[in-house]
Amino acid sequence: MSLFVALQTRSGHPIPWVCLCVTAALASIETLLLREQWIRAKYERGEFLCVEKQEPYSAGYREGFLWKRGRDNGQYLSRKFILSEREGVLKYFNKHDAREPKAIMNINSVNATFQPTKIGTAHGLQITYLKDNSTRNIFVYHEDGKEMVDWFNAIRAARFHYLQVAFPGASNSDLLPKLTRNYIKEGYMEKTGPKHTEGFKKRWFTMDDRRLMYFKDPLDAYARGEVFIGGKESSYTVLAGLPPNIQGYHWQFGITIVTPDRKFLFACETEEDQKNWMAAFQTVINRPMLPQDFAVEAYFKHKP
C-alpha cells in the first residue's frame, strides 16, 4: 500500500501522484515521519481539499534555514537554503547575509532521502548531487517534521518539473520513480585495493543505483572511491567467496565482483550480510543498462 500527496502545477492543475510515497512494509522512522505528515496534511491542514495550502512545496521556489553538518568538523550549523525551480538549482549559503552561495546543486542530479538512523535525528535528510561527476553528500535536519517533509516534497516537485522538460514524451508513471530514490543497500564491508595484496579495511558502503560508493565514515561528505556496477550483458558478475591465496581479511564471507577491467574483492561479517549484498548486486547486474548508464560507465573507465 502506498500513500500519496498530490501537488499542483503553477497553473493550478493537479500533477497526479507527485508524492510522498510511504510503503506500509517499511517499519522505519522514515515511514513514521512521512506517514505522520501525510495524515496531518489530509486531516489537520486540509491540503487535499485546498490547493493554496499546498503552496509550501509546489510553488517552484523555497527559501529557509536548515541545520547542516559541516564537511570537516561534523558540527551542525544553521545554513540558508534556496530551491529555485526556474533556475533548476538547490543552493546554500554559509552566512545568512552572503550574496554568493557556498554550493550550487543542479536539480538534474539532486537526490534526497530520509536518513534518521544515520544522521541521528528523526527529521534527518541526506541530500546528494554530482560534483565533477563524483557524489557529494549533504546532511541536514530541522526540528519541525513538517518543515523537513515540505523541503523533501519541494525537491521532488522541482525534479518532476525538470524531468517533464527533459523527457517531454514520458508519462507521469515513467517519471515518478525518478523523482527521488532510496539507496538499494547500505552497510559495512571490508575491501582491499586493486593489487589484492593490500590489507582489507572496513568501510561503509552505499549502493546508489549503479554506483557502489565506500566511505571511511557513513557521514563523510565524499566517498573514498566509487565502483560502477554494470549489467550482465557487459560481462559484470558477482561471485560468492574470494580468489585463492587472498590474505589480509578479517571477515570470512567474501564477495567478488567481476567487471570487464578488474575484480573487486569484499568481505562481510556474517553469511546473512553476504547473501543480502550479493542479492543487491545481482539485482543491479540483471537489470538491462540504459543509454545514460553506458555514459556513466565510460566516465568511470576514463576517470583519472
C-alpha atoms as a PDB file:
ATOM      1  CA  MET A   1       0.000   0.000   0.000  1.00  0.00           C
ATOM      2  CA  SER A   2       1.273   3.475  -0.827  1.00  0.00           C
ATOM      3  CA  LEU A   3       0.185   6.871   0.398  1.00  0.00           C
ATOM      4  CA  PHE A   4       0.319   9.877  -1.905  1.00  0.00           C
ATOM      5  CA  VAL A   5       0.096  13.640  -1.690  1.00  0.00           C
ATOM      6  CA  ALA A   6      -0.844  15.305  -4.977  1.00  0.00           C
ATOM      7  CA  LEU A   7       0.924  18.558  -5.837  1.00  0.00           C
ATOM      8  CA  GLN A   8      -0.185  21.251  -8.242  1.00  0.00           C
ATOM      9  CA  THR A   9       1.271  22.817 -11.355  1.00  0.00           C
ATOM     10  CA  ARG A  10       1.825  26.555 -11.458  1.00  0.00           C
ATOM     11  CA  SER A  11      -1.499  26.858 -13.351  1.00  0.00           C
ATOM     12  CA  GLY A  12      -3.376  25.123 -10.575  1.00  0.00           C
ATOM     13  CA  HIS A  13      -3.990  21.817 -12.340  1.00  0.00           C
ATOM     14  CA  PRO A  14      -3.060  18.741 -10.320  1.00  0.00           C
ATOM     15  CA  ILE A  15       0.089  16.779 -11.040  1.00  0.00           C
ATOM     16  CA  PRO A  16      -1.022  13.191 -10.449  1.00  0.00           C
ATOM     17  CA  TRP A  17       0.919  11.486  -7.714  1.00  0.00           C
ATOM     18  CA  VAL A  18       3.906  13.764  -7.281  1.00  0.00           C
ATOM     19  CA  CYS A  19       4.111  12.170  -3.983  1.00  0.00           C
ATOM     20  CA  LEU A  20       5.064  11.290  -0.562  1.00  0.00           C
ATOM     21  CA  CYS A  21       5.313   7.576  -1.239  1.00  0.00           C
ATOM     22  CA  VAL A  22       5.076   5.663   2.026  1.00  0.00           C
ATOM     23  CA  THR A  23       5.266   1.909   1.753  1.00  0.00           C
ATOM     24  CA  ALA A  24       3.424   0.110   4.517  1.00  0.00           C
ATOM     25  CA  ALA A  25       6.021  -2.658   4.581  1.00  0.00           C
ATOM     26  CA  LEU A  26       8.709  -0.264   5.828  1.00  0.00           C
ATOM     27  CA  ALA A  27       8.716  -0.089   9.612  1.00  0.00           C
ATOM     28  CA  SER A  28      11.278   2.687   9.901  1.00  0.00           C
ATOM     29  CA  ILE A  29      11.385   6.133  11.470  1.00  0.00           C
ATOM     30  CA  GLU A  30      11.337   7.471   7.925  1.00  0.00           C
ATOM     31  CA  THR A  31       7.982   5.821   7.371  1.00  0.00           C
ATOM     32  CA  LEU A  32       6.647   7.205  10.619  1.00  0.00           C
ATOM     33  CA  LEU A  33       7.688  10.760   9.772  1.00  0.00           C
ATOM     34  CA  LEU A  34       6.183  10.675   6.288  1.00  0.00           C
ATOM     35  CA  ARG A  35       3.066   8.861   7.457  1.00  0.00           C
ATOM     36  CA  GLU A  36       2.536  11.363  10.278  1.00  0.00           C
ATOM     37  CA  GLN A  37       2.856  14.337   7.937  1.00  0.00           C
ATOM     38  CA  TRP A  38       0.597  12.694   5.343  1.00  0.00           C
ATOM     39  CA  ILE A  39      -2.099  12.248   7.984  1.00  0.00           C
ATOM     40  CA  ARG A  40      -1.695  15.801   9.261  1.00  0.00           C
ATOM     41  CA  ALA A  41      -1.768  17.172   5.701  1.00  0.00           C
ATOM     42  CA  LYS A  42      -5.015  15.391   4.968  1.00  0.00           C
ATOM     43  CA  TYR A  43      -6.944  15.687   8.228  1.00  0.00           C
ATOM     44  CA  GLU A  44      -5.494  18.668  10.135  1.00  0.00           C
ATOM     45  CA  ARG A  45      -4.310  21.053   7.422  1.00  0.00           C
ATOM     46  CA  GLY A  46      -6.793  20.100   4.700  1.00  0.00           C
ATOM     47  CA  GLU A  47      -4.150  20.200   1.983  1.00  0.00           C
ATOM     48  CA  PHE A  48      -6.022  17.621  -0.113  1.00  0.00           C
ATOM     49  CA  LEU A  49      -9.050  19.917  -0.379  1.00  0.00           C
ATOM     50  CA  CYS A  50      -7.381  23.324  -0.622  1.00  0.00           C
ATOM     51  CA  VAL A  51      -4.848  23.963  -3.380  1.00  0.00           C
ATOM     52  CA  GLU A  52      -3.481  27.086  -1.684  1.00  0.00           C
ATOM     53  CA  LYS A  53      -2.346  25.059   1.319  1.00  0.00           C
ATOM     54  CA  GLN A  54      -0.052  23.002  -0.908  1.00  0.00           C
ATOM     55  CA  GLU A  55       1.916  26.117  -1.850  1.00  0.00           C
ATOM     56  CA  PRO A  56       4.850  25.467   0.565  1.00  0.00           C
ATOM     57  CA  TYR A  57       6.072  22.579  -1.562  1.00  0.00           C
ATOM     58  CA  SER A  58       4.601  23.256  -5.006  1.00  0.00           C
ATOM     59  CA  ALA A  59       5.356  26.941  -5.624  1.00  0.00           C
ATOM     60  CA  GLY A  60       8.586  26.330  -7.537  1.00  0.00           C
ATOM     61  CA  TYR A  61      10.618  28.355  -5.045  1.00  0.00           C
ATOM     62  CA  ARG A  62      11.526  27.664  -1.451  1.00  0.00           C
ATOM     63  CA  GLU A  63      13.789  29.504   0.965  1.00  0.00           C
ATOM     64  CA  GLY A  64      14.593  28.725   4.566  1.00  0.00           C
ATOM     65  CA  PHE A  65      17.137  27.647   7.150  1.00  0.00           C
ATOM     66  CA  LEU A  66      18.248  24.101   7.869  1.00  0.00           C
ATOM     67  CA  TRP A  67      20.830  22.645  10.215  1.00  0.00           C
ATOM     68  CA  LYS A  68      23.661  21.400   8.004  1.00  0.00           C
ATOM     69  CA  ARG A  69      26.506  19.133   9.020  1.00  0.00           C
ATOM     70  CA  GLY A  70      29.953  20.610   8.444  1.00  0.00           C
ATOM     71  CA  ARG A  71      32.059  18.742   5.921  1.00  0.00           C
ATOM     72  CA  ASP A  72      35.224  18.658   8.043  1.00  0.00           C
ATOM     73  CA  ASN A  73      34.256  19.147  11.693  1.00  0.00           C
ATOM     74  CA  GLY A  74      30.877  17.399  11.740  1.00  0.00           C
ATOM     75  CA  GLN A  75      29.249  20.329  13.560  1.00  0.00           C
ATOM     76  CA  TYR A  76      25.683  21.249  12.616  1.00  0.00           C
ATOM     77  CA  LEU A  77      25.217  24.931  11.833  1.00  0.00           C
ATOM     78  CA  SER A  78      22.233  26.907  10.550  1.00  0.00           C
ATOM     79  CA  ARG A  79      22.500  27.478   6.822  1.00  0.00           C
ATOM     80  CA  LYS A  80      20.245  29.309   4.384  1.00  0.00           C
ATOM     81  CA  PHE A  81      18.922  27.115   1.554  1.00  0.00           C
ATOM     82  CA  ILE A  82      17.184  28.239  -1.633  1.00  0.00           C
ATOM     83  CA  LEU A  83      15.441  25.933  -4.098  1.00  0.00           C
ATOM     84  CA  SER A  84      14.624  27.536  -7.446  1.00  0.00           C
ATOM     85  CA  GLU A  85      12.701  25.521  -9.997  1.00  0.00           C
ATOM     86  CA  ARG A  86      13.156  28.277 -12.581  1.00  0.00           C
ATOM     87  CA  GLU A  87      16.950  28.199 -12.215  1.00  0.00           C
ATOM     88  CA  GLY A  88      16.951  24.439 -11.806  1.00  0.00           C
ATOM     89  CA  VAL A  89      19.165  24.571  -8.701  1.00  0.00           C
ATOM     90  CA  LEU A  90      19.294  24.000  -4.974  1.00  0.00           C
ATOM     91  CA  LYS A  91      21.884  26.166  -3.222  1.00  0.00           C
ATOM     92  CA  TYR A  92      23.003  27.030   0.282  1.00  0.00           C
ATOM     93  CA  PHE A  93      24.872  29.931   1.874  1.00  0.00           C
ATOM     94  CA  ASN A  94      27.452  29.764   4.665  1.00  0.00           C
ATOM     95  CA  LYS A  95      26.359  33.137   6.060  1.00  0.00           C
ATOM     96  CA  HIS A  96      22.816  34.428   6.377  1.00  0.00           C
ATOM     97  CA  ASP A  97      23.678  37.667   4.560  1.00  0.00           C
ATOM     98  CA  ALA A  98      26.025  36.128   1.982  1.00  0.00           C
ATOM     99  CA  ARG A  99      25.412  37.126  -1.619  1.00  0.00           C
ATOM    100  CA  GLU A 100      27.196  34.172  -3.191  1.00  0.00           C
ATOM    101  CA  PRO A 101      26.200  30.598  -2.382  1.00  0.00           C
ATOM    102  CA  LYS A 102      28.676  28.144  -0.934  1.00  0.00           C
ATOM    103  CA  ALA A 103      27.392  25.404  -3.219  1.00  0.00           C
ATOM    104  CA  ILE A 104      25.080  25.197  -6.212  1.00  0.00           C
ATOM    105  CA  MET A 105      23.435  21.849  -6.874  1.00  0.00           C
ATOM    106  CA  ASN A 106      21.887  21.249 -10.282  1.00  0.00           C
ATOM    107  CA  ILE A 107      18.451  19.735  -9.810  1.00  0.00           C
ATOM    108  CA  ASN A 108      19.141  17.213 -12.581  1.00  0.00           C
ATOM    109  CA  SER A 109      21.457  15.265 -10.254  1.00  0.00           C
ATOM    110  CA  VAL A 110      19.935  16.063  -6.841  1.00  0.00           C
ATOM    111  CA  ASN A 111      18.533  13.245  -4.713  1.00  0.00           C
ATOM    112  CA  ALA A 112      17.025  13.363  -1.232  1.00  0.00           C
ATOM    113  CA  THR A 113      16.344  10.503   1.140  1.00  0.00           C
ATOM    114  CA  PHE A 114      15.416  10.469   4.820  1.00  0.00           C
ATOM    115  CA  GLN A 115      18.227   9.004   6.947  1.00  0.00           C
ATOM    116  CA  PRO A 116      17.123   9.358  10.595  1.00  0.00           C
ATOM    117  CA  THR A 117      19.244   6.494  11.930  1.00  0.00           C
ATOM    118  CA  LYS A 118      22.413   7.501  10.114  1.00  0.00           C
ATOM    119  CA  ILE A 119      22.101  11.207  10.968  1.00  0.00           C
ATOM    120  CA  GLY A 120      20.814  10.616  14.494  1.00  0.00           C
ATOM    121  CA  THR A 121      17.644  12.707  14.340  1.00  0.00           C
ATOM    122  CA  ALA A 122      14.101  11.748  13.376  1.00  0.00           C
ATOM    123  CA  HIS A 123      13.989  14.508  10.751  1.00  0.00           C
ATOM    124  CA  GLY A 124      17.389  13.897   9.154  1.00  0.00           C
ATOM    125  CA  LEU A 125      17.617  14.200   5.373  1.00  0.00           C
ATOM    126  CA  GLN A 126      20.556  13.207   3.171  1.00  0.00           C
ATOM    127  CA  ILE A 127      20.871  15.291   0.003  1.00  0.00           C
ATOM    128  CA  THR A 128      23.260  14.186  -2.721  1.00  0.00           C
ATOM    129  CA  TYR A 129      24.342  15.694  -6.010  1.00  0.00           C
ATOM    130  CA  LEU A 130      27.107  15.213  -8.548  1.00  0.00           C
ATOM    131  CA  LYS A 131      30.133  17.481  -8.325  1.00  0.00           C
ATOM    132  CA  ASP A 132      32.688  16.834 -11.070  1.00  0.00           C
ATOM    133  CA  ASN A 133      30.806  13.539 -11.564  1.00  0.00           C
ATOM    134  CA  SER A 134      31.557  12.435  -8.007  1.00  0.00           C
ATOM    135  CA  THR A 135      28.843  12.165  -5.380  1.00  0.00           C
ATOM    136  CA  ARG A 136      28.719  14.883  -2.716  1.00  0.00           C
ATOM    137  CA  ASN A 137      26.712  14.189   0.455  1.00  0.00           C
ATOM    138  CA  ILE A 138      24.991  16.911   2.485  1.00  0.00           C
ATOM    139  CA  PHE A 139      23.271  16.038   5.768  1.00  0.00           C
ATOM    140  CA  VAL A 140      20.560  18.356   7.079  1.00  0.00           C
ATOM    141  CA  TYR A 141      17.687  18.399   9.537  1.00  0.00           C
ATOM    142  CA  HIS A 142      15.057  20.686  11.025  1.00  0.00           C
ATOM    143  CA  GLU A 143      13.337  20.485  14.399  1.00  0.00           C
ATOM    144  CA  ASP A 144       9.928  20.670  12.715  1.00  0.00           C
ATOM    145  CA  GLY A 145       8.946  17.496  10.877  1.00  0.00           C
ATOM    146  CA  LYS A 146       6.555  19.363   8.576  1.00  0.00           C
ATOM    147  CA  GLU A 147       9.307  21.759   7.501  1.00  0.00           C
ATOM    148  CA  MET A 148      11.577  18.862   6.605  1.00  0.00           C
ATOM    149  CA  VAL A 149       8.872  16.997   4.697  1.00  0.00           C
ATOM    150  CA  ASP A 150       7.953  20.219   2.852  1.00  0.00           C
ATOM    151  CA  TRP A 151      11.579  20.521   1.712  1.00  0.00           C
ATOM    152  CA  PHE A 152      11.531  16.879   0.623  1.00  0.00           C
ATOM    153  CA  ASN A 153       8.336  17.421  -1.374  1.00  0.00           C
ATOM    154  CA  ALA A 154       9.659  20.681  -2.850  1.00  0.00           C
ATOM    155  CA  ILE A 155      12.756  18.877  -4.145  1.00  0.00           C
ATOM    156  CA  ARG A 156      10.545  16.182  -5.637  1.00  0.00           C
ATOM    157  CA  ALA A 157       8.302  18.785  -7.287  1.00  0.00           C
ATOM    158  CA  ALA A 158      11.330  20.570  -8.764  1.00  0.00           C
ATOM    159  CA  ARG A 159      12.683  17.252 -10.002  1.00  0.00           C
ATOM    160  CA  PHE A 160       9.318  16.475 -11.591  1.00  0.00           C
ATOM    161  CA  HIS A 161       9.331  19.793 -13.439  1.00  0.00           C
ATOM    162  CA  TYR A 162      12.896  19.170 -14.668  1.00  0.00           C
ATOM    163  CA  LEU A 163      12.027  15.659 -15.887  1.00  0.00           C
ATOM    164  CA  GLN A 164       8.921  16.894 -17.693  1.00  0.00           C
ATOM    165  CA  VAL A 165      11.101  19.323 -19.656  1.00  0.00           C
ATOM    166  CA  ALA A 166      13.920  16.834 -20.211  1.00  0.00           C
ATOM    167  CA  PHE A 167      11.608  13.998 -21.304  1.00  0.00           C
ATOM    168  CA  PRO A 168       8.540  15.685 -22.839  1.00  0.00           C
ATOM    169  CA  GLY A 169       7.099  12.439 -24.197  1.00  0.00           C
ATOM    170  CA  ALA A 170       7.371  10.468 -20.960  1.00  0.00           C
ATOM    171  CA  SER A 171       4.291   9.578 -18.943  1.00  0.00           C
ATOM    172  CA  ASN A 172       3.879  10.502 -15.295  1.00  0.00           C
ATOM    173  CA  SER A 173       4.188   6.857 -14.340  1.00  0.00           C
ATOM    174  CA  ASP A 174       7.604   6.770 -16.054  1.00  0.00           C
ATOM    175  CA  LEU A 175       8.788   9.943 -14.319  1.00  0.00           C
ATOM    176  CA  LEU A 176       7.607   9.268 -10.767  1.00  0.00           C
ATOM    177  CA  PRO A 177      10.253   6.630  -9.908  1.00  0.00           C
ATOM    178  CA  LYS A 178      12.945   9.110 -10.981  1.00  0.00           C
ATOM    179  CA  LEU A 179      11.962  11.930  -8.597  1.00  0.00           C
ATOM    180  CA  THR A 180      13.967  10.674  -5.632  1.00  0.00           C
ATOM    181  CA  ARG A 181      15.303   7.255  -4.743  1.00  0.00           C
ATOM    182  CA  ASN A 182      16.259   5.324  -1.658  1.00  0.00           C
ATOM    183  CA  TYR A 183      19.560   3.505  -1.660  1.00  0.00           C
ATOM    184  CA  ILE A 184      19.484  -0.123  -2.755  1.00  0.00           C
ATOM    185  CA  LYS A 185      21.626  -1.137   0.221  1.00  0.00           C
ATOM    186  CA  GLU A 186      23.995   0.329   2.816  1.00  0.00           C
ATOM    187  CA  GLY A 187      26.260  -1.187   5.416  1.00  0.00           C
ATOM    188  CA  TYR A 188      29.797  -2.172   6.384  1.00  0.00           C
ATOM    189  CA  MET A 189      32.087  -4.465   4.406  1.00  0.00           C
ATOM    190  CA  GLU A 190      35.831  -4.898   4.186  1.00  0.00           C
ATOM    191  CA  LYS A 191      37.674  -4.132   0.962  1.00  0.00           C
ATOM    192  CA  THR A 192      41.164  -4.441  -0.443  1.00  0.00           C
ATOM    193  CA  GLY A 193      42.967  -2.484  -3.143  1.00  0.00           C
ATOM    194  CA  PRO A 194      43.428  -3.116  -6.882  1.00  0.00           C
ATOM    195  CA  LYS A 195      46.547  -5.271  -6.409  1.00  0.00           C
ATOM    196  CA  HIS A 196      44.712  -7.534  -3.932  1.00  0.00           C
ATOM    197  CA  THR A 197      47.832  -7.561  -1.757  1.00  0.00           C
ATOM    198  CA  GLU A 198      46.819  -4.625   0.446  1.00  0.00           C
ATOM    199  CA  GLY A 199      45.213  -5.386   3.797  1.00  0.00           C
ATOM    200  CA  PHE A 200      41.441  -5.349   3.945  1.00  0.00           C
ATOM    201  CA  LYS A 201      39.927  -2.229   5.512  1.00  0.00           C
ATOM    202  CA  LYS A 202      36.466  -1.773   6.991  1.00  0.00           C
ATOM    203  CA  ARG A 203      34.424   0.745   5.017  1.00  0.00           C
ATOM    204  CA  TRP A 204      30.821   1.960   4.895  1.00  0.00           C
ATOM    205  CA  PHE A 205      29.261   1.086   1.530  1.00  0.00           C
ATOM    206  CA  THR A 206      26.294   2.691  -0.212  1.00  0.00           C
ATOM    207  CA  MET A 207      24.682   1.168  -3.303  1.00  0.00           C
ATOM    208  CA  ASP A 208      23.047   4.074  -5.158  1.00  0.00           C
ATOM    209  CA  ASP A 209      21.606   2.783  -8.419  1.00  0.00           C
ATOM    210  CA  ARG A 210      24.730   1.569 -10.284  1.00  0.00           C
ATOM    211  CA  ARG A 211      27.221   3.482  -8.130  1.00  0.00           C
ATOM    212  CA  LEU A 212      28.783   1.500  -5.293  1.00  0.00           C
ATOM    213  CA  MET A 213      30.433   4.084  -3.033  1.00  0.00           C
ATOM    214  CA  TYR A 214      32.588   3.448   0.005  1.00  0.00           C
ATOM    215  CA  PHE A 215      33.332   5.786   2.898  1.00  0.00           C
ATOM    216  CA  LYS A 216      35.525   5.727   5.968  1.00  0.00           C
ATOM    217  CA  ASP A 217      32.549   7.086   7.939  1.00  0.00           C
ATOM    218  CA  PRO A 218      28.840   6.951   6.986  1.00  0.00           C
ATOM    219  CA  LEU A 219      28.595  10.755   7.317  1.00  0.00           C
ATOM    220  CA  ASP A 220      31.567  11.630   5.125  1.00  0.00           C
ATOM    221  CA  ALA A 221      30.919  14.331   2.543  1.00  0.00           C
ATOM    222  CA  TYR A 222      32.724  12.453  -0.223  1.00  0.00           C
ATOM    223  CA  ALA A 223      33.300   8.779  -0.940  1.00  0.00           C
ATOM    224  CA  ARG A 224      36.813   7.361  -0.753  1.00  0.00           C
ATOM    225  CA  GLY A 225      36.007   5.626  -4.006  1.00  0.00           C
ATOM    226  CA  GLU A 226      33.202   4.648  -6.357  1.00  0.00           C
ATOM    227  CA  VAL A 227      32.679   1.464  -8.353  1.00  0.00           C
ATOM    228  CA  PHE A 228      30.370   1.233 -11.357  1.00  0.00           C
ATOM    229  CA  ILE A 229      28.211  -1.905 -11.410  1.00  0.00           C
ATOM    230  CA  GLY A 230      27.098  -2.630 -14.962  1.00  0.00           C
ATOM    231  CA  GLY A 231      24.864  -5.277 -16.478  1.00  0.00           C
ATOM    232  CA  LYS A 232      25.459  -8.928 -17.243  1.00  0.00           C
ATOM    233  CA  GLU A 233      25.374  -8.149 -20.971  1.00  0.00           C
ATOM    234  CA  SER A 234      28.578  -6.157 -20.362  1.00  0.00           C
ATOM    235  CA  SER A 235      30.250  -9.079 -18.531  1.00  0.00           C
ATOM    236  CA  TYR A 236      29.622  -7.915 -14.959  1.00  0.00           C
ATOM    237  CA  THR A 237      29.149 -10.792 -12.496  1.00  0.00           C
ATOM    238  CA  VAL A 238      29.067 -11.317  -8.738  1.00  0.00           C
ATOM    239  CA  LEU A 239      30.540 -14.415  -7.083  1.00  0.00           C
ATOM    240  CA  ALA A 240      30.477 -15.752  -3.552  1.00  0.00           C
ATOM    241  CA  GLY A 241      33.904 -16.047  -1.941  1.00  0.00           C
ATOM    242  CA  LEU A 242      37.365 -14.681  -2.700  1.00  0.00           C
ATOM    243  CA  PRO A 243      40.010 -15.914  -5.155  1.00  0.00           C
ATOM    244  CA  PRO A 244      42.563 -18.439  -3.806  1.00  0.00           C
ATOM    245  CA  ASN A 245      45.588 -17.190  -1.881  1.00  0.00           C
ATOM    246  CA  ILE A 246      43.950 -13.888  -0.885  1.00  0.00           C
ATOM    247  CA  GLN A 247      45.018 -12.822   2.605  1.00  0.00           C
ATOM    248  CA  GLY A 248      44.531  -9.943   4.998  1.00  0.00           C
ATOM    249  CA  TYR A 249      40.780 -10.132   5.533  1.00  0.00           C
ATOM    250  CA  HIS A 250      39.193 -10.345   8.980  1.00  0.00           C
ATOM    251  CA  TRP A 251      35.630 -11.178   7.971  1.00  0.00           C
ATOM    252  CA  GLN A 252      35.131 -14.608   6.467  1.00  0.00           C
ATOM    253  CA  PHE A 253      32.287 -14.192   3.982  1.00  0.00           C
ATOM    254  CA  GLY A 254      33.784 -12.932   0.748  1.00  0.00           C
ATOM    255  CA  ILE A 255      32.285 -11.414  -2.390  1.00  0.00           C
ATOM    256  CA  THR A 256      33.995 -10.948  -5.742  1.00  0.00           C
ATOM    257  CA  ILE A 257      32.605  -8.542  -8.310  1.00  0.00           C
ATOM    258  CA  VAL A 258      33.986  -9.180 -11.776  1.00  0.00           C
ATOM    259  CA  THR A 259      34.000  -6.238 -14.199  1.00  0.00           C
ATOM    260  CA  PRO A 260      35.465  -6.001 -17.710  1.00  0.00           C
ATOM    261  CA  ASP A 261      38.544  -4.288 -16.264  1.00  0.00           C
ATOM    262  CA  ARG A 262      39.259  -5.887 -12.884  1.00  0.00           C
ATOM    263  CA  LYS A 263      37.948  -7.783  -9.885  1.00  0.00           C
ATOM    264  CA  PHE A 264      36.745  -6.039  -6.720  1.00  0.00           C
ATOM    265  CA  LEU A 265      37.062  -8.016  -3.501  1.00  0.00           C
ATOM    266  CA  PHE A 266      34.901  -7.522  -0.397  1.00  0.00           C
ATOM    267  CA  ALA A 267      34.352  -9.397   2.855  1.00  0.00           C
ATOM    268  CA  CYS A 268      31.219  -9.445   5.030  1.00  0.00           C
ATOM    269  CA  GLU A 269      30.950 -10.024   8.751  1.00  0.00           C
ATOM    270  CA  THR A 270      28.108 -12.575   8.536  1.00  0.00           C
ATOM    271  CA  GLU A 271      26.742 -15.002   5.981  1.00  0.00           C
ATOM    272  CA  GLU A 272      23.441 -13.114   6.031  1.00  0.00           C
ATOM    273  CA  ASP A 273      25.232  -9.867   5.127  1.00  0.00           C
ATOM    274  CA  GLN A 274      26.978 -11.693   2.299  1.00  0.00           C
ATOM    275  CA  LYS A 275      23.686 -13.037   0.913  1.00  0.00           C
ATOM    276  CA  ASN A 276      21.989  -9.630   1.164  1.00  0.00           C
ATOM    277  CA  TRP A 277      24.830  -7.803  -0.580  1.00  0.00           C
ATOM    278  CA  MET A 278      25.035 -10.441  -3.293  1.00  0.00           C
ATOM    279  CA  ALA A 279      21.291 -10.191  -3.862  1.00  0.00           C
ATOM    280  CA  ALA A 280      21.574  -6.399  -4.174  1.00  0.00           C
ATOM    281  CA  PHE A 281      24.469  -6.671  -6.634  1.00  0.00           C
ATOM    282  CA  GLN A 282      22.699  -9.351  -8.652  1.00  0.00           C
ATOM    283  CA  THR A 283      19.546  -7.240  -8.921  1.00  0.00           C
ATOM    284  CA  VAL A 284      21.547  -4.392 -10.438  1.00  0.00           C
ATOM    285  CA  ILE A 285      23.562  -6.669 -12.733  1.00  0.00           C
ATOM    286  CA  ASN A 286      20.392  -8.372 -14.023  1.00  0.00           C
ATOM    287  CA  ARG A 287      18.835  -5.021 -14.932  1.00  0.00           C
ATOM    288  CA  PRO A 288      19.452  -4.003 -18.561  1.00  0.00           C
ATOM    289  CA  MET A 289      21.667  -0.944 -18.905  1.00  0.00           C
ATOM    290  CA  LEU A 290      20.143   2.275 -20.245  1.00  0.00           C
ATOM    291  CA  PRO A 291      21.937   4.707 -22.592  1.00  0.00           C
ATOM    292  CA  GLN A 292      22.770   7.004 -19.675  1.00  0.00           C
ATOM    293  CA  ASP A 293      24.277   4.025 -17.816  1.00  0.00           C
ATOM    294  CA  PHE A 294      26.743   3.446 -20.652  1.00  0.00           C
ATOM    295  CA  ALA A 295      27.724   7.121 -20.457  1.00  0.00           C
ATOM    296  CA  VAL A 296      28.438   6.810 -16.730  1.00  0.00           C
ATOM    297  CA  GLU A 297      30.372   3.583 -17.303  1.00  0.00           C
ATOM    298  CA  ALA A 298      32.522   5.315 -19.923  1.00  0.00           C
ATOM    299  CA  TYR A 299      33.360   8.080 -17.465  1.00  0.00           C
ATOM    300  CA  PHE A 300      34.427   5.545 -14.817  1.00  0.00           C
ATOM    301  CA  LYS A 301      36.738   3.847 -17.296  1.00  0.00           C
ATOM    302  CA  HIS A 302      38.484   7.132 -18.075  1.00  0.00           C
ATOM    303  CA  LYS A 303      38.336   8.569 -14.574  1.00  0.00           C
ATOM    304  CA  PRO A 304      41.724   9.964 -13.519  1.00  0.00           C
END
